[in-house]
Amino acid sequence: MAYDNNLSGIISKNDRKTDDKHPDIKGQCEIDGVQYWVDGWQKTRNSDGGKLYSLRFKRKDAAPAQRPAPAPRQAAPSSGFDDMDDSIPF
């Protein structure tokens, strides 16, 4: 009989954290047969100062995020001085 990992996972301290924006904890889980990466950041609750973790889940099989291609450059509008000689050395 195979072990059912559904709705379970693991997290551990992120030993590779080098920036405040990096997650404090990292891990993985399975939800309805889909594998996810788990990232967590330790936060302080405003109401009583208690600690909590804010979590983010990202599918393991998701395509990496790609930056949109830059918009093509458009020619600058004419300044009215197109007949000027550009070879003047000053």
N, C-alpha and C. Protein backbone atom coordinates (compact mmCIF):
# COMPACT_ATOMS: atom_id res chain seq x y z
N MET A 1 0.84 -1.17 0.00
CA MET A 1 0.00 0.00 0.00
C MET A 1 0.89 1.24 0.00
N ALA A 2 0.61 2.19 -0.89
CA ALA A 2 1.40 3.41 -1.00
C ALA A 2 0.97 4.40 0.07
N TYR A 3 1.93 5.15 0.55
CA TYR A 3 1.65 6.18 1.55
C TYR A 3 0.96 7.37 0.89
N ASP A 4 -0.08 7.89 1.49
CA ASP A 4 -0.83 9.03 0.95
C ASP A 4 -0.25 10.32 1.53
N ASN A 5 0.40 11.12 0.67
CA ASN A 5 0.99 12.39 1.09
C ASN A 5 0.02 13.55 0.96
N ASN A 6 -1.21 13.30 0.51
CA ASN A 6 -2.15 14.39 0.27
C ASN A 6 -2.37 15.21 1.53
N LEU A 7 -2.39 16.53 1.37
CA LEU A 7 -2.61 17.48 2.45
C LEU A 7 -1.56 17.38 3.54
N SER A 8 -0.32 17.09 3.14
CA SER A 8 0.77 17.06 4.11
C SER A 8 2.03 17.65 3.46
N GLY A 9 2.98 17.98 4.29
CA GLY A 9 4.21 18.55 3.78
C GLY A 9 5.22 18.76 4.88
N ILE A 10 6.32 19.43 4.53
CA ILE A 10 7.38 19.71 5.50
C ILE A 10 7.85 21.16 5.31
N ILE A 11 8.37 21.73 6.38
CA ILE A 11 9.03 23.04 6.31
C ILE A 11 10.25 22.98 7.22
N SER A 12 11.25 23.80 6.90
CA SER A 12 12.43 23.90 7.75
C SER A 12 13.04 25.28 7.60
N LYS A 13 13.93 25.63 8.50
CA LYS A 13 14.58 26.93 8.46
C LYS A 13 15.35 27.09 7.16
N ASN A 14 15.28 28.29 6.57
CA ASN A 14 16.00 28.59 5.33
C ASN A 14 17.43 28.99 5.69
N ASP A 15 18.36 28.07 5.56
CA ASP A 15 19.77 28.34 5.90
C ASP A 15 20.46 29.18 4.84
N ARG A 16 19.83 29.38 3.70
CA ARG A 16 20.45 30.15 2.61
C ARG A 16 19.95 31.60 2.57
N LYS A 17 19.23 32.03 3.57
CA LYS A 17 18.69 33.39 3.58
C LYS A 17 19.83 34.40 3.70
N THR A 18 19.89 35.33 2.72
CA THR A 18 20.94 36.36 2.72
C THR A 18 20.34 37.76 2.64
N ASP A 19 19.02 37.87 2.54
CA ASP A 19 18.35 39.16 2.39
C ASP A 19 17.06 39.11 3.21
N ASP A 20 16.63 40.24 3.74
CA ASP A 20 15.41 40.28 4.55
C ASP A 20 14.17 39.85 3.76
N LYS A 21 14.20 39.98 2.44
CA LYS A 21 13.05 39.60 1.62
C LYS A 21 12.98 38.09 1.38
N HIS A 22 14.07 37.37 1.61
CA HIS A 22 14.07 35.92 1.42
C HIS A 22 13.23 35.27 2.52
N PRO A 23 12.58 34.14 2.22
CA PRO A 23 11.74 33.49 3.23
C PRO A 23 12.56 32.96 4.41
N ASP A 24 11.94 32.98 5.60
CA ASP A 24 12.58 32.45 6.81
C ASP A 24 12.52 30.93 6.84
N ILE A 25 11.46 30.36 6.25
CA ILE A 25 11.31 28.92 6.18
C ILE A 25 10.99 28.53 4.74
N LYS A 26 11.35 27.30 4.38
CA LYS A 26 11.07 26.77 3.04
C LYS A 26 10.64 25.32 3.20
N GLY A 27 9.92 24.82 2.23
CA GLY A 27 9.50 23.43 2.29
C GLY A 27 8.71 23.04 1.07
N GLN A 28 7.95 21.97 1.23
CA GLN A 28 7.13 21.45 0.14
C GLN A 28 5.92 20.75 0.73
N CYS A 29 4.87 20.64 -0.11
CA CYS A 29 3.66 19.95 0.33
C CYS A 29 2.94 19.39 -0.89
N GLU A 30 1.92 18.59 -0.62
CA GLU A 30 1.07 18.04 -1.68
C GLU A 30 -0.38 18.32 -1.33
N ILE A 31 -1.10 18.90 -2.30
CA ILE A 31 -2.52 19.20 -2.11
C ILE A 31 -3.27 18.66 -3.32
N ASP A 32 -4.16 17.73 -3.09
CA ASP A 32 -4.95 17.09 -4.15
C ASP A 32 -4.07 16.55 -5.27
N GLY A 33 -2.96 15.92 -4.91
CA GLY A 33 -2.08 15.29 -5.88
C GLY A 33 -1.13 16.24 -6.59
N VAL A 34 -1.15 17.52 -6.25
CA VAL A 34 -0.28 18.51 -6.88
C VAL A 34 0.82 18.90 -5.89
N GLN A 35 2.07 18.89 -6.35
CA GLN A 35 3.21 19.24 -5.51
C GLN A 35 3.42 20.75 -5.51
N TYR A 36 3.68 21.33 -4.33
CA TYR A 36 3.90 22.77 -4.18
C TYR A 36 5.18 23.03 -3.39
N TRP A 37 5.85 24.15 -3.72
CA TRP A 37 6.91 24.69 -2.88
C TRP A 37 6.22 25.59 -1.86
N VAL A 38 6.73 25.63 -0.63
CA VAL A 38 6.18 26.47 0.42
C VAL A 38 7.27 27.42 0.90
N ASP A 39 6.97 28.71 0.94
CA ASP A 39 7.87 29.72 1.50
C ASP A 39 7.13 30.40 2.64
N GLY A 40 7.85 30.77 3.71
CA GLY A 40 7.21 31.42 4.84
C GLY A 40 8.08 32.51 5.44
N TRP A 41 7.42 33.58 5.86
CA TRP A 41 8.09 34.72 6.47
C TRP A 41 7.53 34.92 7.87
N GLN A 42 8.40 35.03 8.87
CA GLN A 42 7.95 35.26 10.24
C GLN A 42 7.50 36.71 10.38
N LYS A 43 6.34 36.90 10.94
CA LYS A 43 5.76 38.23 11.14
C LYS A 43 5.38 38.41 12.60
N THR A 44 5.14 39.66 12.99
CA THR A 44 4.68 39.97 14.33
C THR A 44 3.24 40.47 14.25
N ARG A 45 2.37 39.86 15.04
CA ARG A 45 0.97 40.23 15.06
C ARG A 45 0.82 41.60 15.73
N ASN A 46 0.07 42.51 15.09
CA ASN A 46 -0.12 43.86 15.63
C ASN A 46 -0.93 43.85 16.92
N SER A 47 -1.90 42.95 17.03
CA SER A 47 -2.82 42.97 18.17
C SER A 47 -2.14 42.67 19.49
N ASP A 48 -1.24 41.67 19.51
CA ASP A 48 -0.64 41.29 20.79
C ASP A 48 0.87 41.05 20.72
N GLY A 49 1.49 41.30 19.55
CA GLY A 49 2.94 41.12 19.43
C GLY A 49 3.37 39.68 19.26
N GLY A 50 2.41 38.76 19.14
CA GLY A 50 2.74 37.35 18.96
C GLY A 50 3.35 37.11 17.58
N LYS A 51 4.00 35.96 17.43
CA LYS A 51 4.65 35.60 16.16
C LYS A 51 3.72 34.72 15.32
N LEU A 52 3.84 34.88 13.99
CA LEU A 52 3.10 34.04 13.06
C LEU A 52 3.92 33.92 11.79
N TYR A 53 3.51 33.05 10.88
CA TYR A 53 4.17 32.90 9.59
C TYR A 53 3.19 33.20 8.48
N SER A 54 3.61 34.03 7.56
CA SER A 54 2.88 34.29 6.33
C SER A 54 3.42 33.30 5.30
N LEU A 55 2.53 32.56 4.62
CA LEU A 55 2.95 31.50 3.70
C LEU A 55 2.61 31.81 2.26
N ARG A 56 3.44 31.29 1.35
CA ARG A 56 3.18 31.35 -0.09
C ARG A 56 3.40 29.95 -0.65
N PHE A 57 2.47 29.50 -1.50
CA PHE A 57 2.55 28.20 -2.15
C PHE A 57 2.73 28.43 -3.65
N LYS A 58 3.67 27.69 -4.25
CA LYS A 58 3.90 27.80 -5.69
C LYS A 58 4.01 26.39 -6.26
N ARG A 59 3.22 26.12 -7.31
CA ARG A 59 3.26 24.79 -7.92
C ARG A 59 4.66 24.46 -8.40
N LYS A 60 5.09 23.22 -8.14
CA LYS A 60 6.42 22.80 -8.59
C LYS A 60 6.50 22.70 -10.11
N ASP A 61 5.39 22.35 -10.76
CA ASP A 61 5.41 22.17 -12.21
C ASP A 61 5.08 23.46 -12.97
N ALA A 62 4.93 24.57 -12.26
CA ALA A 62 4.61 25.85 -12.93
C ALA A 62 5.81 26.34 -13.72
N ALA A 63 5.53 26.92 -14.87
CA ALA A 63 6.61 27.49 -15.69
C ALA A 63 7.21 28.67 -14.94
N PRO A 64 8.52 28.86 -15.04
CA PRO A 64 9.13 29.99 -14.36
C PRO A 64 8.57 31.31 -14.90
N ALA A 65 8.44 32.27 -14.00
CA ALA A 65 7.92 33.57 -14.41
C ALA A 65 8.89 34.23 -15.38
N GLN A 66 8.36 34.75 -16.45
CA GLN A 66 9.19 35.42 -17.44
C GLN A 66 8.83 36.89 -17.48
N ARG A 67 9.84 37.71 -17.64
CA ARG A 67 9.60 39.14 -17.77
C ARG A 67 9.04 39.43 -19.15
N PRO A 68 8.10 40.36 -19.23
CA PRO A 68 7.57 40.69 -20.55
C PRO A 68 8.66 41.32 -21.41
N ALA A 69 8.58 41.09 -22.72
CA ALA A 69 9.55 41.66 -23.64
C ALA A 69 9.40 43.17 -23.65
N PRO A 70 10.53 43.88 -23.71
CA PRO A 70 10.42 45.34 -23.74
C PRO A 70 9.70 45.82 -24.99
N ALA A 71 8.99 46.92 -24.85
CA ALA A 71 8.26 47.49 -25.99
C ALA A 71 9.28 48.00 -27.00
N PRO A 72 8.96 47.89 -28.29
CA PRO A 72 9.89 48.38 -29.30
C PRO A 72 10.08 49.89 -29.15
N ARG A 73 11.29 50.32 -29.40
CA ARG A 73 11.59 51.75 -29.29
C ARG A 73 11.00 52.49 -30.48
N GLN A 74 10.46 53.62 -30.19
CA GLN A 74 9.89 54.45 -31.25
C GLN A 74 10.87 55.58 -31.55
N ALA A 75 10.86 56.03 -32.79
CA ALA A 75 11.73 57.13 -33.18
C ALA A 75 11.30 58.39 -32.44
N ALA A 76 12.29 59.19 -32.05
CA ALA A 76 12.00 60.44 -31.37
C ALA A 76 11.31 61.39 -32.33
N PRO A 77 10.39 62.19 -31.82
CA PRO A 77 9.73 63.15 -32.70
C PRO A 77 10.73 64.15 -33.26
N SER A 78 10.46 64.62 -34.44
CA SER A 78 11.35 65.57 -35.11
C SER A 78 11.41 66.87 -34.32
N SER A 79 12.62 67.41 -34.16
CA SER A 79 12.80 68.65 -33.42
C SER A 79 12.75 69.87 -34.31
N GLY A 80 12.67 69.68 -35.62
CA GLY A 80 12.66 70.80 -36.54
C GLY A 80 14.04 71.23 -36.97
N PHE A 81 15.07 70.58 -36.43
CA PHE A 81 16.45 70.92 -36.77
C PHE A 81 17.13 69.79 -37.53
N ASP A 82 16.39 69.04 -38.33
CA ASP A 82 16.92 67.89 -39.04
C ASP A 82 17.94 68.28 -40.11
N ASP A 83 17.95 69.53 -40.54
CA ASP A 83 18.88 69.92 -41.58
C ASP A 83 20.20 70.46 -41.01
N MET A 84 20.37 70.38 -39.72
CA MET A 84 21.59 70.89 -39.08
C MET A 84 22.74 69.92 -39.36
N ASP A 85 23.94 70.44 -39.45
CA ASP A 85 25.15 69.64 -39.68
C ASP A 85 25.64 69.09 -38.34
N ASP A 86 25.65 67.75 -38.19
CA ASP A 86 26.07 67.12 -36.94
C ASP A 86 27.59 67.00 -36.81
N SER A 87 28.34 67.45 -37.78
CA SER A 87 29.78 67.29 -37.73
C SER A 87 30.49 68.46 -37.04
N ILE A 88 29.78 69.37 -36.42
CA ILE A 88 30.41 70.48 -35.72
C ILE A 88 31.07 69.92 -34.46
N PRO A 89 32.38 70.20 -34.22
CA PRO A 89 33.12 69.55 -33.13
C PRO A 89 32.84 70.10 -31.74
N PHE A 90 31.94 70.99 -31.53
CA PHE A 90 31.70 71.49 -30.18
C PHE A 90 30.29 71.26 -29.72
